[in-house]
Amino acid sequence: MIRICSEINDCLNMSMPNTSRELRKLMEKGLIEKITDTEDRRKQHIQLTNKGKNMMNEAFTSIESRFLTRIQYASQEI
């Protein structure tokens, strides 16, 4: 889990309104969910839903497959 907005803003160099809008879109699609911090209820964290995890797994599997196809005939020399 990551802290919502502030860490994403820092990582992606996005404005707070843009980050909030993109997170809202992901939530509407059922790909992420917000979780309130039990120790500080002002803080929220986000995590992938099962649907989001499945989508990420499919994407990484596809990327890996294409990568392996491209390097299949690559030389062993570095």
N, C-alpha and C. Protein backbone atom coordinates (compact mmCIF):
# COMPACT_ATOMS: atom_id res chain seq x y z
N MET A 1 0.83 -1.18 0.00
CA MET A 1 0.00 0.00 0.00
C MET A 1 0.88 1.24 0.00
N ILE A 2 0.37 2.28 -0.60
CA ILE A 2 1.09 3.55 -0.56
C ILE A 2 0.14 4.63 -0.07
N ARG A 3 0.75 5.69 0.47
CA ARG A 3 -0.07 6.81 0.89
C ARG A 3 -0.65 7.49 -0.33
N ILE A 4 -1.88 7.85 -0.23
CA ILE A 4 -2.58 8.43 -1.37
C ILE A 4 -2.04 9.82 -1.69
N CYS A 5 -2.03 10.19 -2.87
CA CYS A 5 -1.70 11.48 -3.46
C CYS A 5 -0.28 11.96 -3.20
N SER A 6 0.13 12.18 -1.96
CA SER A 6 1.42 12.83 -1.72
C SER A 6 2.58 12.02 -2.28
N GLU A 7 2.62 10.73 -2.04
CA GLU A 7 3.71 9.91 -2.57
C GLU A 7 3.60 9.77 -4.09
N ILE A 8 2.39 9.69 -4.60
CA ILE A 8 2.20 9.59 -6.04
C ILE A 8 2.63 10.90 -6.70
N ASN A 9 2.26 12.02 -6.11
CA ASN A 9 2.68 13.32 -6.64
C ASN A 9 4.20 13.40 -6.72
N ASP A 10 4.86 12.97 -5.65
CA ASP A 10 6.32 13.03 -5.61
C ASP A 10 6.94 12.13 -6.68
N CYS A 11 6.42 10.92 -6.82
CA CYS A 11 6.99 9.96 -7.78
C CYS A 11 6.76 10.38 -9.22
N LEU A 12 5.59 10.87 -9.53
CA LEU A 12 5.22 11.15 -10.92
C LEU A 12 5.29 12.63 -11.27
N ASN A 13 5.61 13.47 -10.28
CA ASN A 13 5.68 14.91 -10.51
C ASN A 13 4.37 15.44 -11.11
N MET A 14 3.26 15.01 -10.51
CA MET A 14 1.93 15.44 -10.94
C MET A 14 1.36 16.41 -9.91
N SER A 15 0.43 17.23 -10.35
CA SER A 15 -0.25 18.12 -9.41
C SER A 15 -1.27 17.32 -8.60
N MET A 16 -1.63 17.84 -7.45
CA MET A 16 -2.60 17.16 -6.59
C MET A 16 -3.95 16.96 -7.29
N PRO A 17 -4.49 17.97 -7.99
CA PRO A 17 -5.77 17.75 -8.68
C PRO A 17 -5.69 16.66 -9.75
N ASN A 18 -4.59 16.63 -10.50
CA ASN A 18 -4.44 15.59 -11.53
C ASN A 18 -4.34 14.22 -10.91
N THR A 19 -3.59 14.10 -9.82
CA THR A 19 -3.45 12.82 -9.14
C THR A 19 -4.80 12.35 -8.63
N SER A 20 -5.54 13.24 -7.99
CA SER A 20 -6.86 12.88 -7.46
C SER A 20 -7.79 12.42 -8.56
N ARG A 21 -7.76 13.11 -9.69
CA ARG A 21 -8.63 12.76 -10.81
C ARG A 21 -8.28 11.36 -11.36
N GLU A 22 -6.99 11.10 -11.52
CA GLU A 22 -6.58 9.80 -12.05
C GLU A 22 -6.90 8.67 -11.07
N LEU A 23 -6.73 8.91 -9.79
CA LEU A 23 -7.08 7.90 -8.79
C LEU A 23 -8.58 7.63 -8.80
N ARG A 24 -9.36 8.69 -8.94
CA ARG A 24 -10.82 8.52 -9.00
C ARG A 24 -11.22 7.66 -10.20
N LYS A 25 -10.56 7.87 -11.34
CA LYS A 25 -10.85 7.06 -12.53
C LYS A 25 -10.54 5.59 -12.28
N LEU A 26 -9.40 5.33 -11.63
CA LEU A 26 -9.04 3.94 -11.33
C LEU A 26 -10.02 3.30 -10.35
N MET A 27 -10.50 4.09 -9.39
CA MET A 27 -11.49 3.58 -8.44
C MET A 27 -12.80 3.28 -9.14
N GLU A 28 -13.22 4.16 -10.03
CA GLU A 28 -14.48 3.95 -10.76
C GLU A 28 -14.43 2.69 -11.62
N LYS A 29 -13.24 2.34 -12.09
CA LYS A 29 -13.07 1.13 -12.89
C LYS A 29 -12.87 -0.11 -12.02
N GLY A 30 -12.82 0.09 -10.71
CA GLY A 30 -12.67 -1.03 -9.79
C GLY A 30 -11.27 -1.61 -9.73
N LEU A 31 -10.26 -0.81 -10.09
CA LEU A 31 -8.89 -1.30 -10.13
C LEU A 31 -8.12 -1.03 -8.84
N ILE A 32 -8.53 -0.02 -8.09
CA ILE A 32 -7.89 0.29 -6.81
C ILE A 32 -8.97 0.54 -5.76
N GLU A 33 -8.54 0.50 -4.49
CA GLU A 33 -9.45 0.83 -3.40
C GLU A 33 -8.69 1.66 -2.37
N LYS A 34 -9.42 2.55 -1.71
CA LYS A 34 -8.84 3.37 -0.64
C LYS A 34 -9.05 2.67 0.69
N ILE A 35 -8.03 2.77 1.53
CA ILE A 35 -8.12 2.20 2.87
C ILE A 35 -7.69 3.27 3.85
N THR A 36 -8.54 3.53 4.85
CA THR A 36 -8.23 4.53 5.86
C THR A 36 -7.22 3.98 6.85
N ASP A 37 -6.21 4.77 7.16
CA ASP A 37 -5.18 4.39 8.12
C ASP A 37 -5.83 4.23 9.49
N THR A 38 -5.59 3.11 10.14
CA THR A 38 -6.23 2.84 11.44
C THR A 38 -5.65 3.71 12.56
N GLU A 39 -4.40 4.14 12.40
CA GLU A 39 -3.78 4.96 13.44
C GLU A 39 -4.03 6.44 13.25
N ASP A 40 -4.14 6.88 12.02
CA ASP A 40 -4.39 8.29 11.71
C ASP A 40 -5.47 8.34 10.65
N ARG A 41 -6.70 8.54 11.06
CA ARG A 41 -7.84 8.45 10.15
C ARG A 41 -7.85 9.55 9.09
N ARG A 42 -6.95 10.53 9.22
CA ARG A 42 -6.85 11.56 8.19
C ARG A 42 -6.12 11.03 6.95
N LYS A 43 -5.33 9.98 7.15
CA LYS A 43 -4.54 9.41 6.06
C LYS A 43 -5.31 8.28 5.38
N GLN A 44 -5.09 8.18 4.09
CA GLN A 44 -5.66 7.07 3.33
C GLN A 44 -4.56 6.42 2.51
N HIS A 45 -4.69 5.14 2.30
CA HIS A 45 -3.77 4.37 1.49
C HIS A 45 -4.55 3.79 0.33
N ILE A 46 -3.84 3.44 -0.72
CA ILE A 46 -4.51 2.78 -1.84
C ILE A 46 -3.83 1.44 -2.09
N GLN A 47 -4.61 0.52 -2.61
CA GLN A 47 -4.06 -0.77 -3.02
C GLN A 47 -4.86 -1.28 -4.20
N LEU A 48 -4.25 -2.17 -4.95
CA LEU A 48 -4.94 -2.78 -6.08
C LEU A 48 -6.04 -3.70 -5.58
N THR A 49 -7.14 -3.71 -6.29
CA THR A 49 -8.19 -4.69 -6.03
C THR A 49 -7.77 -5.98 -6.75
N ASN A 50 -8.53 -7.04 -6.57
CA ASN A 50 -8.25 -8.27 -7.30
C ASN A 50 -8.32 -8.04 -8.80
N LYS A 51 -9.27 -7.24 -9.22
CA LYS A 51 -9.39 -6.91 -10.65
C LYS A 51 -8.14 -6.17 -11.12
N GLY A 52 -7.65 -5.24 -10.31
CA GLY A 52 -6.44 -4.50 -10.64
C GLY A 52 -5.21 -5.39 -10.68
N LYS A 53 -5.12 -6.32 -9.72
CA LYS A 53 -3.99 -7.26 -9.70
C LYS A 53 -4.01 -8.14 -10.94
N ASN A 54 -5.19 -8.62 -11.31
CA ASN A 54 -5.31 -9.46 -12.51
C ASN A 54 -4.89 -8.69 -13.75
N MET A 55 -5.29 -7.44 -13.85
CA MET A 55 -4.93 -6.62 -15.01
C MET A 55 -3.41 -6.42 -15.06
N MET A 56 -2.80 -6.15 -13.91
CA MET A 56 -1.35 -5.96 -13.87
C MET A 56 -0.63 -7.26 -14.23
N ASN A 57 -1.10 -8.39 -13.71
CA ASN A 57 -0.48 -9.67 -14.05
C ASN A 57 -0.55 -9.95 -15.54
N GLU A 58 -1.69 -9.67 -16.15
CA GLU A 58 -1.84 -9.86 -17.59
C GLU A 58 -0.89 -8.96 -18.36
N ALA A 59 -0.76 -7.71 -17.91
CA ALA A 59 0.13 -6.76 -18.59
C ALA A 59 1.58 -7.23 -18.49
N PHE A 60 2.01 -7.63 -17.29
CA PHE A 60 3.40 -8.06 -17.12
C PHE A 60 3.68 -9.36 -17.88
N THR A 61 2.71 -10.24 -17.94
CA THR A 61 2.88 -11.48 -18.71
C THR A 61 3.06 -11.16 -20.19
N SER A 62 2.27 -10.24 -20.69
CA SER A 62 2.37 -9.84 -22.09
C SER A 62 3.72 -9.18 -22.37
N ILE A 63 4.15 -8.30 -21.48
CA ILE A 63 5.44 -7.62 -21.65
C ILE A 63 6.58 -8.63 -21.64
N GLU A 64 6.53 -9.57 -20.69
CA GLU A 64 7.57 -10.59 -20.59
C GLU A 64 7.62 -11.44 -21.86
N SER A 65 6.48 -11.82 -22.37
CA SER A 65 6.42 -12.64 -23.57
C SER A 65 7.03 -11.90 -24.76
N ARG A 66 6.67 -10.64 -24.94
CA ARG A 66 7.23 -9.86 -26.05
C ARG A 66 8.73 -9.66 -25.89
N PHE A 67 9.18 -9.44 -24.66
CA PHE A 67 10.61 -9.27 -24.40
C PHE A 67 11.38 -10.54 -24.75
N LEU A 68 10.88 -11.68 -24.29
CA LEU A 68 11.55 -12.95 -24.57
C LEU A 68 11.59 -13.25 -26.06
N THR A 69 10.54 -12.89 -26.78
CA THR A 69 10.50 -13.07 -28.23
C THR A 69 11.57 -12.21 -28.89
N ARG A 70 11.72 -10.98 -28.43
CA ARG A 70 12.70 -10.07 -29.03
C ARG A 70 14.14 -10.49 -28.76
N ILE A 71 14.42 -11.06 -27.60
CA ILE A 71 15.80 -11.42 -27.28
C ILE A 71 16.13 -12.87 -27.64
N GLN A 72 15.20 -13.57 -28.17
CA GLN A 72 15.35 -14.98 -28.50
C GLN A 72 16.60 -15.27 -29.32
N TYR A 73 16.92 -14.43 -30.26
CA TYR A 73 18.06 -14.66 -31.14
C TYR A 73 19.21 -13.70 -30.86
N ALA A 74 19.17 -13.06 -29.71
CA ALA A 74 20.24 -12.14 -29.35
C ALA A 74 21.53 -12.90 -29.06
N SER A 75 22.61 -12.25 -29.31
CA SER A 75 23.93 -12.83 -29.05
C SER A 75 24.15 -12.97 -27.55
N GLN A 76 24.94 -13.96 -27.16
CA GLN A 76 25.27 -14.16 -25.75
C GLN A 76 26.34 -13.19 -25.28
N GLU A 77 27.00 -12.49 -26.20
CA GLU A 77 28.05 -11.54 -25.86
C GLU A 77 27.47 -10.32 -25.17
N ILE A 78 28.24 -9.81 -24.23
CA ILE A 78 27.78 -8.61 -23.50
C ILE A 78 28.42 -7.40 -24.11
